[in-house]
PDB file of N, CA and C in Angstrom:
ATOM      1  N   ALA A   1     125.794 116.587 111.130  1.00  0.00           N
ATOM      2  CA  ALA A   1     126.145 117.249 112.374  1.00  0.00           C
ATOM      3  C   ALA A   1     126.307 118.745 112.135  1.00  0.00           C
ATOM      4  N   GLY A   2     125.846 119.521 113.100  1.00  0.00           N
ATOM      5  CA  GLY A   2     126.035 120.952 113.027  1.00  0.00           C
ATOM      6  C   GLY A   2     124.966 121.714 112.272  1.00  0.00           C
ATOM      7  N   LYS A   3     123.921 121.022 111.802  1.00  0.00           N
ATOM      8  CA  LYS A   3     122.828 121.728 111.137  1.00  0.00           C
ATOM      9  C   LYS A   3     121.519 121.002 111.424  1.00  0.00           C
ATOM     10  N   PRO A   4     120.403 121.720 111.326  1.00  0.00           N
ATOM     11  CA  PRO A   4     119.116 121.065 111.547  1.00  0.00           C
ATOM     12  C   PRO A   4     118.858 119.981 110.499  1.00  0.00           C
ATOM     13  N   VAL A   5     118.058 118.994 110.900  1.00  0.00           N
ATOM     14  CA  VAL A   5     117.695 117.896 110.015  1.00  0.00           C
ATOM     15  C   VAL A   5     116.178 117.745 110.039  1.00  0.00           C
ATOM     16  N   LEU A   6     115.593 117.639 108.851  1.00  0.00           N
ATOM     17  CA  LEU A   6     114.164 117.406 108.708  1.00  0.00           C
ATOM     18  C   LEU A   6     114.001 116.044 108.044  1.00  0.00           C
ATOM     19  N   VAL A   7     113.334 115.123 108.745  1.00  0.00           N
ATOM     20  CA  VAL A   7     113.121 113.768 108.239  1.00  0.00           C
ATOM     21  C   VAL A   7     111.636 113.596 107.962  1.00  0.00           C
ATOM     22  N   GLU A   8     111.307 113.165 106.756  1.00  0.00           N
ATOM     23  CA  GLU A   8     109.915 112.874 106.435  1.00  0.00           C
ATOM     24  C   GLU A   8     109.753 111.385 106.195  1.00  0.00           C
ATOM     25  N   PHE A   9     108.737 110.811 106.838  1.00  0.00           N
ATOM     26  CA  PHE A   9     108.310 109.453 106.539  1.00  0.00           C
ATOM     27  C   PHE A   9     107.093 109.583 105.636  1.00  0.00           C
ATOM     28  N   TRP A  10     107.128 108.903 104.506  1.00  0.00           N
ATOM     29  CA  TRP A  10     106.079 109.017 103.499  1.00  0.00           C
ATOM     30  C   TRP A  10     105.833 107.661 102.872  1.00  0.00           C
ATOM     31  N   ALA A  11     104.783 107.574 102.053  1.00  0.00           N
ATOM     32  CA  ALA A  11     104.458 106.320 101.364  1.00  0.00           C
ATOM     33  C   ALA A  11     103.968 106.639  99.956  1.00  0.00           C
ATOM     34  N   THR A  12     104.208 105.716  99.040  1.00  0.00           N
ATOM     35  CA  THR A  12     103.805 105.932  97.653  1.00  0.00           C
ATOM     36  C   THR A  12     102.285 105.988  97.502  1.00  0.00           C
ATOM     37  N   TRP A  13     101.549 105.364  98.385  1.00  0.00           N
ATOM     38  CA  TRP A  13     100.094 105.333  98.309  1.00  0.00           C
ATOM     39  C   TRP A  13      99.433 106.557  98.951  1.00  0.00           C
ATOM     40  N   CYS A  14     100.223 107.495  99.442  1.00  0.00           N
ATOM     41  CA  CYS A  14      99.737 108.669 100.181  1.00  0.00           C
ATOM     42  C   CYS A  14      99.766 109.913  99.288  1.00  0.00           C
ATOM     43  N   PRO A  15      98.622 110.348  98.748  1.00  0.00           N
ATOM     44  CA  PRO A  15      98.610 111.539  97.882  1.00  0.00           C
ATOM     45  C   PRO A  15      99.177 112.804  98.541  1.00  0.00           C
ATOM     46  N   PRO A  16      98.845 113.127  99.811  1.00  0.00           N
ATOM     47  CA  PRO A  16      99.418 114.332 100.406  1.00  0.00           C
ATOM     48  C   PRO A  16     100.943 114.271 100.531  1.00  0.00           C
ATOM     49  N   CYS A  17     101.489 113.066 100.601  1.00  0.00           N
ATOM     50  CA  CYS A  17     102.944 112.924 100.726  1.00  0.00           C
ATOM     51  C   CYS A  17     103.659 113.483  99.501  1.00  0.00           C
ATOM     52  N   ARG A  18     103.083 113.331  98.345  1.00  0.00           N
ATOM     53  CA  ARG A  18     103.728 113.835  97.122  1.00  0.00           C
ATOM     54  C   ARG A  18     103.848 115.343  97.154  1.00  0.00           C
ATOM     55  N   GLY A  19     102.802 116.028  97.599  1.00  0.00           N
ATOM     56  CA  GLY A  19     102.869 117.483  97.724  1.00  0.00           C
ATOM     57  C   GLY A  19     103.913 117.909  98.731  1.00  0.00           C
ATOM     58  N   THR A  20     104.003 117.166  99.822  1.00  0.00           N
ATOM     59  CA  THR A  20     105.009 117.480 100.837  1.00  0.00           C
ATOM     60  C   THR A  20     106.416 117.223 100.304  1.00  0.00           C
ATOM     61  N   LEU A  21     106.588 116.171  99.514  1.00  0.00           N
ATOM     62  CA  LEU A  21     107.904 115.907  98.918  1.00  0.00           C
ATOM     63  C   LEU A  21     108.322 117.042  97.994  1.00  0.00           C
ATOM     64  N   VAL A  22     107.395 117.542  97.193  1.00  0.00           N
ATOM     65  CA  VAL A  22     107.713 118.666  96.298  1.00  0.00           C
ATOM     66  C   VAL A  22     108.119 119.882  97.126  1.00  0.00           C
ATOM     67  N   TRP A  23     107.387 120.160  98.183  1.00  0.00           N
ATOM     68  CA  TRP A  23     107.710 121.284  99.061  1.00  0.00           C
ATOM     69  C   TRP A  23     109.078 121.087  99.727  1.00  0.00           C
ATOM     70  N   LEU A  24     109.386 119.865 100.138  1.00  0.00           N
ATOM     71  CA  LEU A  24     110.710 119.603 100.719  1.00  0.00           C
ATOM     72  C   LEU A  24     111.812 119.859  99.699  1.00  0.00           C
ATOM     73  N   GLY A  25     111.561 119.519  98.441  1.00  0.00           N
ATOM     74  CA  GLY A  25     112.522 119.839  97.392  1.00  0.00           C
ATOM     75  C   GLY A  25     112.759 121.327  97.283  1.00  0.00           C
ATOM     76  N   GLU A  26     111.687 122.116  97.438  1.00  0.00           N
ATOM     77  CA  GLU A  26     111.820 123.574  97.422  1.00  0.00           C
ATOM     78  C   GLU A  26     112.649 124.060  98.612  1.00  0.00           C
ATOM     79  N   LEU A  27     112.417 123.464  99.783  1.00  0.00           N
ATOM     80  CA  LEU A  27     113.217 123.817 100.957  1.00  0.00           C
ATOM     81  C   LEU A  27     114.692 123.499 100.727  1.00  0.00           C
ATOM     82  N   GLU A  28     114.952 122.364 100.117  1.00  0.00           N
ATOM     83  CA  GLU A  28     116.333 121.970  99.824  1.00  0.00           C
ATOM     84  C   GLU A  28     117.007 123.011  98.934  1.00  0.00           C
ATOM     85  N   ARG A  29     116.289 123.462  97.912  1.00  0.00           N
ATOM     86  CA  ARG A  29     116.865 124.482  97.020  1.00  0.00           C
ATOM     87  C   ARG A  29     117.070 125.807  97.765  1.00  0.00           C
ATOM     88  N   ARG A  30     116.127 126.159  98.615  1.00  0.00           N
ATOM     89  CA  ARG A  30     116.174 127.441  99.322  1.00  0.00           C
ATOM     90  C   ARG A  30     117.274 127.484 100.379  1.00  0.00           C
ATOM     91  N   TYR A  31     117.397 126.412 101.167  1.00  0.00           N
ATOM     92  CA  TYR A  31     118.321 126.435 102.298  1.00  0.00           C
ATOM     93  C   TYR A  31     119.644 125.731 102.034  1.00  0.00           C
ATOM     94  N   GLY A  32     119.725 124.913 101.010  1.00  0.00           N
ATOM     95  CA  GLY A  32     120.981 124.273 100.635  1.00  0.00           C
ATOM     96  C   GLY A  32     121.703 123.625 101.793  1.00  0.00           C
ATOM     97  N   ASP A  33     122.930 124.045 102.018  1.00  0.00           N
ATOM     98  CA  ASP A  33     123.796 123.434 103.029  1.00  0.00           C
ATOM     99  C   ASP A  33     123.423 123.785 104.466  1.00  0.00           C
ATOM    100  N   ARG A  34     122.448 124.657 104.668  1.00  0.00           N
ATOM    101  CA  ARG A  34     122.070 125.050 106.033  1.00  0.00           C
ATOM    102  C   ARG A  34     121.095 124.063 106.674  1.00  0.00           C
ATOM    103  N   LEU A  35     120.530 123.159 105.870  1.00  0.00           N
ATOM    104  CA  LEU A  35     119.520 122.222 106.351  1.00  0.00           C
ATOM    105  C   LEU A  35     119.703 120.887 105.649  1.00  0.00           C
ATOM    106  N   GLU A  36     119.590 119.813 106.396  1.00  0.00           N
ATOM    107  CA  GLU A  36     119.636 118.468 105.820  1.00  0.00           C
ATOM    108  C   GLU A  36     118.211 117.924 105.793  1.00  0.00           C
ATOM    109  N   ILE A  37     117.804 117.412 104.638  1.00  0.00           N
ATOM    110  CA  ILE A  37     116.466 116.849 104.489  1.00  0.00           C
ATOM    111  C   ILE A  37     116.599 115.408 104.022  1.00  0.00           C
ATOM    112  N   VAL A  38     115.871 114.519 104.693  1.00  0.00           N
ATOM    113  CA  VAL A  38     115.884 113.102 104.347  1.00  0.00           C
ATOM    114  C   VAL A  38     114.439 112.623 104.245  1.00  0.00           C
ATOM    115  N   ALA A  39     114.103 111.988 103.137  1.00  0.00           N
ATOM    116  CA  ALA A  39     112.759 111.435 102.928  1.00  0.00           C
ATOM    117  C   ALA A  39     112.860 109.916 102.965  1.00  0.00           C
ATOM    118  N   LEU A  40     112.170 109.308 103.916  1.00  0.00           N
ATOM    119  CA  LEU A  40     112.218 107.864 104.096  1.00  0.00           C
ATOM    120  C   LEU A  40     110.859 107.251 103.785  1.00  0.00           C
ATOM    121  N   ALA A  41     110.823 106.346 102.829  1.00  0.00           N
ATOM    122  CA  ALA A  41     109.581 105.698 102.417  1.00  0.00           C
ATOM    123  C   ALA A  41     109.270 104.520 103.327  1.00  0.00           C
ATOM    124  N   VAL A  42     108.008 104.414 103.714  1.00  0.00           N
ATOM    125  CA  VAL A  42     107.518 103.296 104.511  1.00  0.00           C
ATOM    126  C   VAL A  42     106.381 102.627 103.748  1.00  0.00           C
ATOM    127  N   GLU A  43     106.150 101.369 104.047  1.00  0.00           N
ATOM    128  CA  GLU A  43     105.037 100.617 103.458  1.00  0.00           C
ATOM    129  C   GLU A  43     104.966 100.787 101.937  1.00  0.00           C
ATOM    130  N   SER A  44     106.097 100.809 101.292  1.00  0.00           N
ATOM    131  CA  SER A  44     106.181 101.011  99.843  1.00  0.00           C
ATOM    132  C   SER A  44     107.272 100.115  99.285  1.00  0.00           C
ATOM    133  N   ASP A  45     107.141  99.752  98.010  1.00  0.00           N
ATOM    134  CA  ASP A  45     108.188  98.941  97.403  1.00  0.00           C
ATOM    135  C   ASP A  45     109.198  99.849  96.691  1.00  0.00           C
ATOM    136  N   LEU A  46     110.403  99.361  96.557  1.00  0.00           N
ATOM    137  CA  LEU A  46     111.498 100.147  96.005  1.00  0.00           C
ATOM    138  C   LEU A  46     111.189 100.672  94.605  1.00  0.00           C
ATOM    139  N   ASP A  47     110.598  99.845  93.746  1.00  0.00           N
ATOM    140  CA  ASP A  47     110.288 100.298  92.385  1.00  0.00           C
ATOM    141  C   ASP A  47     109.309 101.465  92.407  1.00  0.00           C
ATOM    142  N   GLY A  48     108.296 101.392  93.233  1.00  0.00           N
ATOM    143  CA  GLY A  48     107.328 102.474  93.338  1.00  0.00           C
ATOM    144  C   GLY A  48     107.938 103.751  93.880  1.00  0.00           C
ATOM    145  N   VAL A  49     108.808 103.608  94.873  1.00  0.00           N
ATOM    146  CA  VAL A  49     109.492 104.769  95.450  1.00  0.00           C
ATOM    147  C   VAL A  49     110.384 105.413  94.397  1.00  0.00           C
ATOM    148  N   GLN A  50     111.146 104.594  93.690  1.00  0.00           N
ATOM    149  CA  GLN A  50     112.046 105.129  92.654  1.00  0.00           C
ATOM    150  C   GLN A  50     111.256 105.871  91.585  1.00  0.00           C
ATOM    151  N   LYS A  51     110.102 105.335  91.218  1.00  0.00           N
ATOM    152  CA  LYS A  51     109.260 105.972  90.204  1.00  0.00           C
ATOM    153  C   LYS A  51     108.782 107.348  90.677  1.00  0.00           C
ATOM    154  N   VAL A  52     108.329 107.446  91.932  1.00  0.00           N
ATOM    155  CA  VAL A  52     107.873 108.731  92.473  1.00  0.00           C
ATOM    156  C   VAL A  52     109.027 109.722  92.537  1.00  0.00           C
ATOM    157  N   VAL A  53     110.145 109.291  93.087  1.00  0.00           N
ATOM    158  CA  VAL A  53     111.297 110.183  93.238  1.00  0.00           C
ATOM    159  C   VAL A  53     111.780 110.676  91.875  1.00  0.00           C
ATOM    160  N   ASP A  54     111.913 109.766  90.915  1.00  0.00           N
ATOM    161  CA  ASP A  54     112.351 110.158  89.569  1.00  0.00           C
ATOM    162  C   ASP A  54     111.326 111.069  88.904  1.00  0.00           C
ATOM    163  N   GLY A  55     110.047 110.748  89.062  1.00  0.00           N
ATOM    164  CA  GLY A  55     108.993 111.530  88.437  1.00  0.00           C
ATOM    165  C   GLY A  55     108.905 112.953  88.966  1.00  0.00           C
ATOM    166  N   LEU A  56     109.221 113.131  90.235  1.00  0.00           N
ATOM    167  CA  LEU A  56     109.173 114.458  90.839  1.00  0.00           C
ATOM    168  C   LEU A  56     110.489 115.215  90.691  1.00  0.00           C
ATOM    169  N   GLY A  57     111.560 114.522  90.299  1.00  0.00           N
ATOM    170  CA  GLY A  57     112.860 115.176  90.142  1.00  0.00           C
ATOM    171  C   GLY A  57     113.352 115.798  91.439  1.00  0.00           C
ATOM    172  N   LEU A  58     113.239 115.068  92.516  1.00  0.00           N
ATOM    173  CA  LEU A  58     113.547 115.621  93.835  1.00  0.00           C
ATOM    174  C   LEU A  58     115.044 115.694  94.120  1.00  0.00           C
ATOM    175  N   PRO A  59     115.503 116.847  94.607  1.00  0.00           N
ATOM    176  CA  PRO A  59     116.906 116.980  94.994  1.00  0.00           C
ATOM    177  C   PRO A  59     117.108 116.590  96.458  1.00  0.00           C
ATOM    178  N   LEU A  60     116.494 115.486  96.873  1.00  0.00           N
ATOM    179  CA  LEU A  60     116.527 115.096  98.279  1.00  0.00           C
ATOM    180  C   LEU A  60     117.322 113.816  98.489  1.00  0.00           C
ATOM    181  N   HIS A  61     117.812 113.668  99.713  1.00  0.00           N
ATOM    182  CA  HIS A  61     118.328 112.373 100.132  1.00  0.00           C
ATOM    183  C   HIS A  61     117.100 111.540 100.481  1.00  0.00           C
ATOM    184  N   TRP A  62     117.022 110.347  99.949  1.00  0.00           N
ATOM    185  CA  TRP A  62     115.877 109.508 100.236  1.00  0.00           C
ATOM    186  C   TRP A  62     116.328 108.078 100.455  1.00  0.00           C
ATOM    187  N   GLY A  63     115.450 107.325 101.059  1.00  0.00           N
ATOM    188  CA  GLY A  63     115.757 105.923 101.299  1.00  0.00           C
ATOM    189  C   GLY A  63     114.512 105.173 101.701  1.00  0.00           C
ATOM    190  N   MET A  64     114.701 103.900 101.916  1.00  0.00           N
ATOM    191  CA  MET A  64     113.632 103.011 102.338  1.00  0.00           C
ATOM    192  C   MET A  64     113.756 102.809 103.851  1.00  0.00           C
ATOM    193  N   ALA A  65     112.646 102.930 104.550  1.00  0.00           N
ATOM    194  CA  ALA A  65     112.654 102.714 105.999  1.00  0.00           C
ATOM    195  C   ALA A  65     112.019 101.365 106.299  1.00  0.00           C
ATOM    196  N   SER A  66     112.793 100.483 106.851  1.00  0.00           N
ATOM    197  CA  SER A  66     112.251  99.198 107.279  1.00  0.00           C
ATOM    198  C   SER A  66     111.319  99.442 108.466  1.00  0.00           C
ATOM    199  N   PRO A  67     110.424  98.505 108.753  1.00  0.00           N
ATOM    200  CA  PRO A  67     109.571  98.665 109.938  1.00  0.00           C
ATOM    201  C   PRO A  67     110.390  98.844 111.214  1.00  0.00           C
ATOM    202  N   GLU A  68     111.521  98.163 111.296  1.00  0.00           N
ATOM    203  CA  GLU A  68     112.370  98.275 112.490  1.00  0.00           C
ATOM    204  C   GLU A  68     112.938  99.683 112.628  1.00  0.00           C
ATOM    205  N   LEU A  69     113.379 100.261 111.520  1.00  0.00           N
ATOM    206  CA  LEU A  69     113.916 101.627 111.560  1.00  0.00           C
ATOM    207  C   LEU A  69     112.807 102.610 111.925  1.00  0.00           C
ATOM    208  N   ALA A  70     111.657 102.452 111.313  1.00  0.00           N
ATOM    209  CA  ALA A  70     110.545 103.361 111.588  1.00  0.00           C
ATOM    210  C   ALA A  70     110.186 103.358 113.075  1.00  0.00           C
ATOM    211  N   VAL A  71     110.172 102.178 113.691  1.00  0.00           N
ATOM    212  CA  VAL A  71     109.847 102.062 115.120  1.00  0.00           C
ATOM    213  C   VAL A  71     110.838 102.855 115.974  1.00  0.00           C
ATOM    214  N   ARG A  72     112.078 102.921 115.574  1.00  0.00           N
ATOM    215  CA  ARG A  72     113.084 103.662 116.343  1.00  0.00           C
ATOM    216  C   ARG A  72     112.781 105.158 116.403  1.00  0.00           C
ATOM    217  N   PHE A  73     112.012 105.659 115.440  1.00  0.00           N
ATOM    218  CA  PHE A  73     111.659 107.071 115.426  1.00  0.00           C
ATOM    219  C   PHE A  73     110.412 107.352 116.253  1.00  0.00           C
ATOM    220  N   GLY A  74     109.750 106.328 116.756  1.00  0.00           N
ATOM    221  CA  GLY A  74     108.583 106.532 117.606  1.00  0.00           C
ATOM    222  C   GLY A  74     107.280 106.350 116.856  1.00  0.00           C
ATOM    223  N   ASP A  75     106.302 107.169 117.202  1.00  0.00           N
ATOM    224  CA  ASP A  75     104.942 107.059 116.667  1.00  0.00           C
ATOM    225  C   ASP A  75     104.895 107.511 115.213  1.00  0.00           C
ATOM    226  N   LEU A  76     104.669 106.566 114.325  1.00  0.00           N
ATOM    227  CA  LEU A  76     104.488 106.873 112.910  1.00  0.00           C
ATOM    228  C   LEU A  76     103.103 106.401 112.479  1.00  0.00           C
ATOM    229  N   SER A  77     102.102 106.841 113.221  1.00  0.00           N
ATOM    230  CA  SER A  77     100.746 106.385 112.958  1.00  0.00           C
ATOM    231  C   SER A  77     100.108 107.103 111.776  1.00  0.00           C
ATOM    232  N   ALA A  78     100.791 108.094 111.206  1.00  0.00           N
ATOM    233  CA  ALA A  78     100.261 108.826 110.050  1.00  0.00           C
ATOM    234  C   ALA A  78     101.405 109.116 109.090  1.00  0.00           C
ATOM    235  N   VAL A  79     101.068 109.174 107.827  1.00  0.00           N
ATOM    236  CA  VAL A  79     102.013 109.686 106.841  1.00  0.00           C
ATOM    237  C   VAL A  79     101.329 110.839 106.120  1.00  0.00           C
ATOM    238  N   PRO A  80     102.047 111.876 105.825  1.00  0.00           N
ATOM    239  CA  PRO A  80     103.442 112.040 106.195  1.00  0.00           C
ATOM    240  C   PRO A  80     103.601 112.331 107.688  1.00  0.00           C
ATOM    241  N   THR A  81     104.742 111.955 108.213  1.00  0.00           N
ATOM    242  CA  THR A  81     105.195 112.380 109.533  1.00  0.00           C
ATOM    243  C   THR A  81     106.542 113.043 109.326  1.00  0.00           C
ATOM    244  N   LEU A  82     106.678 114.258 109.829  1.00  0.00           N
ATOM    245  CA  LEU A  82     107.942 114.990 109.717  1.00  0.00           C
ATOM    246  C   LEU A  82     108.524 115.183 111.101  1.00  0.00           C
ATOM    247  N   LEU A  83     109.805 114.894 111.222  1.00  0.00           N
ATOM    248  CA  LEU A  83     110.513 115.091 112.483  1.00  0.00           C
ATOM    249  C   LEU A  83     111.595 116.127 112.246  1.00  0.00           C
ATOM    250  N   LEU A  84     111.641 117.130 113.104  1.00  0.00           N
ATOM    251  CA  LEU A  84     112.631 118.191 112.993  1.00  0.00           C
ATOM    252  C   LEU A  84     113.605 118.083 114.156  1.00  0.00           C
ATOM    253  N   PHE A  85     114.874 117.960 113.813  1.00  0.00           N
ATOM    254  CA  PHE A  85     115.953 117.857 114.801  1.00  0.00           C
ATOM    255  C   PHE A  85     116.814 119.105 114.724  1.00  0.00           C
ATOM    256  N   ASP A  86     117.296 119.571 115.880  1.00  0.00           N
ATOM    257  CA  ASP A  86     118.177 120.736 115.863  1.00  0.00           C
ATOM    258  C   ASP A  86     119.600 120.318 115.501  1.00  0.00           C
ATOM    259  N   ALA A  87     120.504 121.255 115.457  1.00  0.00           N
ATOM    260  CA  ALA A  87     121.882 120.994 115.030  1.00  0.00           C
ATOM    261  C   ALA A  87     122.622 120.055 115.980  1.00  0.00           C
ATOM    262  N   ASP A  88     122.098 119.876 117.192  1.00  0.00           N
ATOM    263  CA  ASP A  88     122.705 118.952 118.158  1.00  0.00           C
ATOM    264  C   ASP A  88     122.028 117.586 118.160  1.00  0.00           C
ATOM    265  N   GLY A  89     121.079 117.371 117.236  1.00  0.00           N
ATOM    266  CA  GLY A  89     120.415 116.079 117.125  1.00  0.00           C
ATOM    267  C   GLY A  89     119.220 115.882 118.039  1.00  0.00           C
ATOM    268  N   ARG A  90     118.801 116.930 118.741  1.00  0.00           N
ATOM    269  CA  ARG A  90     117.643 116.819 119.620  1.00  0.00           C
ATOM    270  C   ARG A  90     116.355 117.006 118.820  1.00  0.00           C
ATOM    271  N   THR A  91     115.349 116.202 119.143  1.00  0.00           N
ATOM    272  CA  THR A  91     114.048 116.354 118.498  1.00  0.00           C
ATOM    273  C   THR A  91     113.432 117.666 118.959  1.00  0.00           C
ATOM    274  N   ARG A  92     113.084 118.520 118.007  1.00  0.00           N
ATOM    275  CA  ARG A  92     112.479 119.816 118.343  1.00  0.00           C
ATOM    276  C   ARG A  92     110.978 119.835 118.079  1.00  0.00           C
ATOM    277  N   GLU A  93     110.543 119.186 117.008  1.00  0.00           N
ATOM    278  CA  GLU A  93     109.119 119.172 116.662  1.00  0.00           C
ATOM    279  C   GLU A  93     108.809 117.886 115.903  1.00  0.00           C
ATOM    280  N   ILE A  94     107.569 117.430 116.031  1.00  0.00           N
ATOM    281  CA  ILE A  94     107.064 116.314 115.232  1.00  0.00           C
ATOM    282  C   ILE A  94     105.724 116.766 114.652  1.00  0.00           C
ATOM    283  N   PHE A  95     105.564 116.557 113.367  1.00  0.00           N
ATOM    284  CA  PHE A  95     104.356 116.969 112.657  1.00  0.00           C
ATOM    285  C   PHE A  95     103.724 115.725 112.039  1.00  0.00           C
ATOM    286  N   TYR A  96     102.450 115.481 112.373  1.00  0.00           N
ATOM    287  CA  TYR A  96     101.746 114.297 111.883  1.00  0.00           C
ATOM    288  C   TYR A  96     100.715 114.687 110.825  1.00  0.00           C
ATOM    289  N   GLY A  97     100.659 113.915 109.759  1.00  0.00           N
ATOM    290  CA  GLY A  97      99.653 114.137 108.737  1.00  0.00           C
ATOM    291  C   GLY A  97      99.950 115.353 107.877  1.00  0.00           C
ATOM    292  N   ALA A  98      98.936 115.781 107.135  1.00  0.00           N
ATOM    293  CA  ALA A  98      99.112 116.893 106.199  1.00  0.00           C
ATOM    294  C   ALA A  98      97.982 117.914 106.349  1.00  0.00           C
ATOM    295  N   PRO A  99      97.902 118.566 107.523  1.00  0.00           N
ATOM    296  CA  PRO A  99      96.890 119.608 107.663  1.00  0.00           C
ATOM    297  C   PRO A  99      97.225 120.783 106.733  1.00  0.00           C
ATOM    298  N   PRO A 100      96.252 121.634 106.437  1.00  0.00           N
ATOM    299  CA  PRO A 100      96.492 122.733 105.504  1.00  0.00           C
ATOM    300  C   PRO A 100      97.640 123.664 105.894  1.00  0.00           C
ATOM    301  N   ASP A 101      97.923 123.778 107.192  1.00  0.00           N
ATOM    302  CA  ASP A 101      98.985 124.693 107.639  1.00  0.00           C
ATOM    303  C   ASP A 101     100.316 123.991 107.913  1.00  0.00           C
ATOM    304  N   LEU A 102     100.462 122.752 107.460  1.00  0.00           N
ATOM    305  CA  LEU A 102     101.684 121.991 107.746  1.00  0.00           C
ATOM    306  C   LEU A 102     102.936 122.728 107.326  1.00  0.00           C
ATOM    307  N   HIS A 103     103.005 123.166 106.083  1.00  0.00           N
ATOM    308  CA  HIS A 103     104.229 123.798 105.579  1.00  0.00           C
ATOM    309  C   HIS A 103     104.539 125.063 106.365  1.00  0.00           C
ATOM    310  N   ALA A 104     103.542 125.866 106.667  1.00  0.00           N
ATOM    311  CA  ALA A 104     103.766 127.097 107.435  1.00  0.00           C
ATOM    312  C   ALA A 104     104.266 126.780 108.836  1.00  0.00           C
ATOM    313  N   ARG A 105     103.704 125.764 109.469  1.00  0.00           N
ATOM    314  CA  ARG A 105     104.139 125.391 110.820  1.00  0.00           C
ATOM    315  C   ARG A 105     105.581 124.910 110.818  1.00  0.00           C
ATOM    316  N   VAL A 106     105.942 124.087 109.848  1.00  0.00           N
ATOM    317  CA  VAL A 106     107.316 123.591 109.774  1.00  0.00           C
ATOM    318  C   VAL A 106     108.278 124.756 109.508  1.00  0.00           C
ATOM    319  N   GLU A 107     107.906 125.642 108.603  1.00  0.00           N
ATOM    320  CA  GLU A 107     108.799 126.767 108.285  1.00  0.00           C
ATOM    321  C   GLU A 107     108.977 127.697 109.481  1.00  0.00           C
ATOM    322  N   ARG A 108     107.945 127.880 110.293  1.00  0.00           N
ATOM    323  CA  ARG A 108     108.101 128.684 111.518  1.00  0.00           C
ATOM    324  C   ARG A 108     109.095 128.013 112.463  1.00  0.00           C
ATOM    325  N   ALA A 109     108.966 126.711 112.627  1.00  0.00           N
ATOM    326  CA  ALA A 109     109.885 125.974 113.504  1.00  0.00           C
ATOM    327  C   ALA A 109     111.319 126.027 112.958  1.00  0.00           C
ATOM    328  N   LEU A 110     111.445 125.917 111.636  1.00  0.00           N
ATOM    329  CA  LEU A 110     112.778 125.986 111.029  1.00  0.00           C
ATOM    330  C   LEU A 110     113.435 127.347 111.241  1.00  0.00           C
ATOM    331  N   ALA A 111     112.644 128.403 111.182  1.00  0.00           N
ATOM    332  CA  ALA A 111     113.186 129.758 111.335  1.00  0.00           C
ATOM    333  C   ALA A 111     113.943 129.920 112.641  1.00  0.00           C
ATOM    334  N   ASN A 112     113.519 129.204 113.666  1.00  0.00           N
ATOM    335  CA  ASN A 112     114.199 129.280 114.963  1.00  0.00           C
ATOM    336  C   ASN A 112     115.470 128.448 115.035  1.00  0.00           C
ATOM    337  N   LEU A 113     115.682 127.588 114.039  1.00  0.00           N
ATOM    338  CA  LEU A 113     116.825 126.671 114.093  1.00  0.00           C
ATOM    339  C   LEU A 113     117.903 126.959 113.050  1.00  0.00           C
ATOM    340  N   LEU A 114     117.545 127.634 111.982  1.00  0.00           N
ATOM    341  CA  LEU A 114     118.513 127.848 110.898  1.00  0.00           C
ATOM    342  C   LEU A 114     119.477 128.974 111.242  1.00  0.00           C
ATOM    343  N   PRO A 115     120.745 128.763 110.913  1.00  0.00           N
ATOM    344  CA  PRO A 115     121.735 129.829 111.183  1.00  0.00           C
ATOM    345  C   PRO A 115     121.535 131.020 110.256  1.00  0.00           C
TER     346      PRO A 115
END
């Protein structure tokens, strides 16, 4: 509560997701307590997720997203899918897939939300 939240849905079988996870780790280091980042794995097994997270040394909050939880977030037809919420919990932006300008687009949106 009181700060923006960036949620990423990712999968162990998704190569672009790994690059996005590394970038999210960089955001975590850069913004610290001003931004909450959560990475939720879908369509992946716990051992595989743990291996990726440990291998990348990510300073992120992460977890497993059941199909039921994923449905509550809406359309997750692509991974990665990033959802950006403002400090009041309202959805501000949704980013699907990993186009070349994904990180720049998310950072522009974040600039308007970070204190």
